[in-house]
Amino acid sequence: MSAVFEQIFQVGFLAAIIRIATPLAFATLGEMFSERAGVLNLGIEGIMLLSAMTGFTAASLSGSLWLGVLAAVLTGMLMSALHALFTVALGLSQHVCGIGVTLFSSGLAYFLYRLIFGQQSVPPNIKGFQTLPIPLLSDIPVLGTAVFNQFALVYMAILAIPLAAFVLYRTPWG
């Protein structure tokens, strides 16, 4: 049993948890603003899936990871706007539209992937972002390696959390 805990509490595992949670943090922040506006976005999972697929496709075809990030963000914005059109402008049920957006996005992501990349046994491989260690902070034992030796998107997510809290609770927009 102690071997399991040793594996779980390794610094590399903690760093991976933070890195993998980054897309969820961005999606959660977006959903917080949506909820604050009075819209329940049950389509967030499908929006994330379609955004990930378009981001991967754009990065794979262009060779630019940042273009992939931009494509993913724009896809998320477009699908969220579509959900808002149905629920806010047309007054349709938020629950039904959210589930519909999830099903539509999931199916579209699968269809577009097969259309663009075909039936490959090995998916295209793209080189990921490089870590950006923060001087001095990355030298702190455990915490420095796990938190301050990450990708730029992780740092953006970490900074976006207090910024979103400020906007939601300290400005008229919130």
Protein backbone atom coordinates (compact mmCIF):
# COMPACT_ATOMS: atom_id res chain seq x y z
CA MET A 1 0.00 0.00 0.00
CA SER A 2 2.83 2.42 0.78
CA ALA A 3 4.25 1.88 -2.72
CA VAL A 4 1.00 3.22 -4.17
CA PHE A 5 1.22 6.34 -2.01
CA GLU A 6 4.86 6.83 -3.00
CA GLN A 7 3.85 6.76 -6.68
CA ILE A 8 0.91 9.12 -6.16
CA PHE A 9 2.80 11.70 -4.14
CA GLN A 10 5.81 12.02 -6.42
CA VAL A 11 6.60 15.52 -7.63
CA GLY A 12 6.22 14.52 -11.27
CA PHE A 13 2.75 13.16 -10.60
CA LEU A 14 1.72 16.37 -8.85
CA ALA A 15 3.08 18.42 -11.77
CA ALA A 16 1.12 16.23 -14.21
CA ILE A 17 -2.09 16.72 -12.22
CA ILE A 18 -1.68 20.50 -12.40
CA ARG A 19 -0.87 20.35 -16.12
CA ILE A 20 -3.79 18.07 -16.96
CA ALA A 21 -6.24 20.14 -14.88
CA THR A 22 -5.49 23.30 -16.89
CA PRO A 23 -8.17 22.79 -19.59
CA LEU A 24 -10.69 22.00 -16.86
CA ALA A 25 -9.75 25.22 -15.05
CA PHE A 26 -10.34 27.29 -18.19
CA ALA A 27 -13.67 25.56 -18.86
CA THR A 28 -14.74 26.03 -15.25
CA LEU A 29 -13.93 29.73 -15.39
CA GLY A 30 -16.01 30.06 -18.56
CA GLU A 31 -18.89 28.19 -16.95
CA MET A 32 -18.69 30.45 -13.88
CA PHE A 33 -19.30 33.49 -16.06
CA SER A 34 -22.08 31.67 -17.88
CA GLU A 35 -23.76 30.72 -14.59
CA ARG A 36 -23.37 34.26 -13.30
CA ALA A 37 -25.22 35.45 -16.42
CA GLY A 38 -28.03 33.01 -15.63
CA VAL A 39 -27.31 30.38 -18.28
CA LEU A 40 -26.74 26.75 -17.38
CA ASN A 41 -24.33 25.45 -20.01
CA LEU A 42 -24.67 21.68 -19.99
CA GLY A 43 -22.90 21.63 -23.36
CA ILE A 44 -19.51 22.45 -21.84
CA GLU A 45 -18.21 18.89 -22.24
CA GLY A 46 -19.02 18.81 -25.95
CA ILE A 47 -17.62 22.30 -26.41
CA MET A 48 -14.36 21.19 -24.78
CA LEU A 49 -14.21 18.09 -26.98
CA LEU A 50 -14.79 19.97 -30.23
CA SER A 51 -12.37 22.72 -29.17
CA ALA A 52 -9.70 20.14 -28.38
CA MET A 53 -10.19 18.49 -31.76
CA THR A 54 -10.01 21.77 -33.70
CA GLY A 55 -7.01 22.90 -31.66
CA PHE A 56 -5.21 19.62 -32.34
CA THR A 57 -6.08 19.79 -36.04
CA ALA A 58 -4.94 23.40 -36.40
CA ALA A 59 -1.69 22.70 -34.54
CA SER A 60 -1.06 19.54 -36.53
CA LEU A 61 -1.72 21.08 -39.94
CA SER A 62 -0.03 24.44 -39.28
CA GLY A 63 2.83 23.31 -37.06
CA SER A 64 2.04 26.13 -34.62
CA LEU A 65 0.84 25.23 -31.14
CA TRP A 66 -0.34 28.78 -30.49
CA LEU A 67 -2.46 28.68 -33.65
CA GLY A 68 -3.96 25.49 -32.26
CA VAL A 69 -4.75 27.26 -28.98
CA LEU A 70 -6.35 30.13 -30.90
CA ALA A 71 -8.44 27.69 -32.97
CA ALA A 72 -9.58 25.92 -29.80
CA VAL A 73 -10.54 29.20 -28.10
CA LEU A 74 -12.44 30.42 -31.16
CA THR A 75 -14.27 27.10 -31.45
CA GLY A 76 -15.26 27.29 -27.79
CA MET A 77 -16.51 30.84 -28.28
CA LEU A 78 -18.48 29.89 -31.39
CA MET A 79 -20.15 26.89 -29.76
CA SER A 80 -20.92 28.90 -26.62
CA ALA A 81 -22.45 31.63 -28.79
CA LEU A 82 -24.55 28.96 -30.53
CA HIS A 83 -25.75 27.71 -27.14
CA ALA A 84 -26.52 31.28 -26.07
CA LEU A 85 -28.45 31.88 -29.30
CA PHE A 86 -30.68 28.90 -28.62
CA THR A 87 -31.21 29.53 -24.91
CA VAL A 88 -31.16 33.31 -24.57
CA ALA A 89 -32.28 34.68 -27.93
CA LEU A 90 -34.73 31.91 -28.86
CA GLY A 91 -35.73 31.05 -25.29
CA LEU A 92 -35.32 27.30 -25.65
CA SER A 93 -34.70 24.97 -22.72
CA GLN A 94 -31.17 25.28 -21.35
CA HIS A 95 -31.12 21.60 -20.43
CA VAL A 96 -32.18 20.32 -23.83
CA CYS A 97 -29.92 22.72 -25.72
CA GLY A 98 -26.95 21.90 -23.50
CA ILE A 99 -27.34 18.18 -24.09
CA GLY A 100 -27.89 18.87 -27.79
CA VAL A 101 -24.70 20.92 -28.01
CA THR A 102 -22.79 18.12 -26.28
CA LEU A 103 -24.12 15.44 -28.64
CA PHE A 104 -23.64 17.62 -31.72
CA SER A 105 -20.10 18.64 -30.75
CA SER A 106 -19.07 15.08 -29.90
CA GLY A 107 -20.35 13.74 -33.20
CA LEU A 108 -18.88 16.62 -35.19
CA ALA A 109 -15.47 16.20 -33.55
CA TYR A 110 -15.39 12.50 -34.43
CA PHE A 111 -16.63 13.14 -37.98
CA LEU A 112 -14.14 15.94 -38.69
CA TYR A 113 -11.23 13.98 -37.25
CA ARG A 114 -12.00 11.00 -39.51
CA LEU A 115 -12.55 13.33 -42.48
CA ILE A 116 -9.25 15.18 -42.00
CA PHE A 117 -6.93 12.45 -40.73
CA GLY A 118 -8.65 9.31 -41.99
CA GLN A 119 -8.59 5.93 -40.28
CA GLN A 120 -5.05 5.89 -38.92
CA SER A 121 -3.76 3.33 -36.49
CA VAL A 122 -1.30 5.91 -35.14
CA PRO A 123 -2.61 9.48 -34.77
CA PRO A 124 -0.49 12.41 -35.93
CA ASN A 125 2.15 13.37 -33.41
CA ILE A 126 2.83 17.00 -32.60
CA LYS A 127 5.51 18.33 -30.32
CA GLY A 128 4.05 19.90 -27.18
CA PHE A 129 4.84 23.13 -25.40
CA GLN A 130 8.15 23.49 -23.59
CA THR A 131 8.16 24.09 -19.87
CA LEU A 132 9.00 27.59 -18.69
CA PRO A 133 10.68 27.42 -15.29
CA ILE A 134 10.26 30.58 -13.22
CA PRO A 135 13.66 31.60 -11.83
CA LEU A 136 14.13 31.12 -8.09
CA LEU A 137 10.57 29.83 -7.58
CA SER A 138 11.23 26.67 -9.60
CA ASP A 139 14.10 25.85 -7.22
CA ILE A 140 11.76 25.45 -4.22
CA PRO A 141 11.62 21.75 -3.27
CA VAL A 142 8.46 19.91 -4.38
CA LEU A 143 6.26 22.99 -4.87
CA GLY A 144 8.73 24.69 -7.20
CA THR A 145 9.12 21.66 -9.42
CA ALA A 146 5.39 20.95 -9.51
CA VAL A 147 3.97 24.47 -9.88
CA PHE A 148 6.71 26.76 -11.19
CA ASN A 149 8.13 24.53 -13.93
CA GLN A 150 5.07 24.31 -16.18
CA PHE A 151 3.79 25.39 -19.59
CA ALA A 152 2.69 28.94 -20.39
CA LEU A 153 -0.97 27.86 -20.49
CA VAL A 154 -0.73 26.57 -16.91
CA TYR A 155 0.57 29.95 -15.74
CA MET A 156 -2.22 31.66 -17.68
CA ALA A 157 -4.81 29.49 -15.93
CA ILE A 158 -3.28 30.17 -12.52
CA LEU A 159 -3.40 33.92 -13.20
CA ALA A 160 -6.90 33.73 -14.70
CA ILE A 161 -8.41 32.33 -11.50
CA PRO A 162 -7.83 35.38 -9.25
CA LEU A 163 -8.54 37.68 -12.21
CA ALA A 164 -11.92 36.00 -12.75
CA ALA A 165 -12.66 36.22 -9.03
CA PHE A 166 -11.86 39.93 -9.11
CA VAL A 167 -14.09 40.52 -12.14
CA LEU A 168 -16.95 38.50 -10.66
CA TYR A 169 -16.89 39.97 -7.16
CA ARG A 170 -15.31 43.42 -7.41
CA THR A 171 -16.60 44.92 -10.68
CA PRO A 172 -20.04 45.84 -12.03
CA TRP A 173 -19.69 43.07 -14.66
CA GLY A 174 -19.87 40.43 -11.92
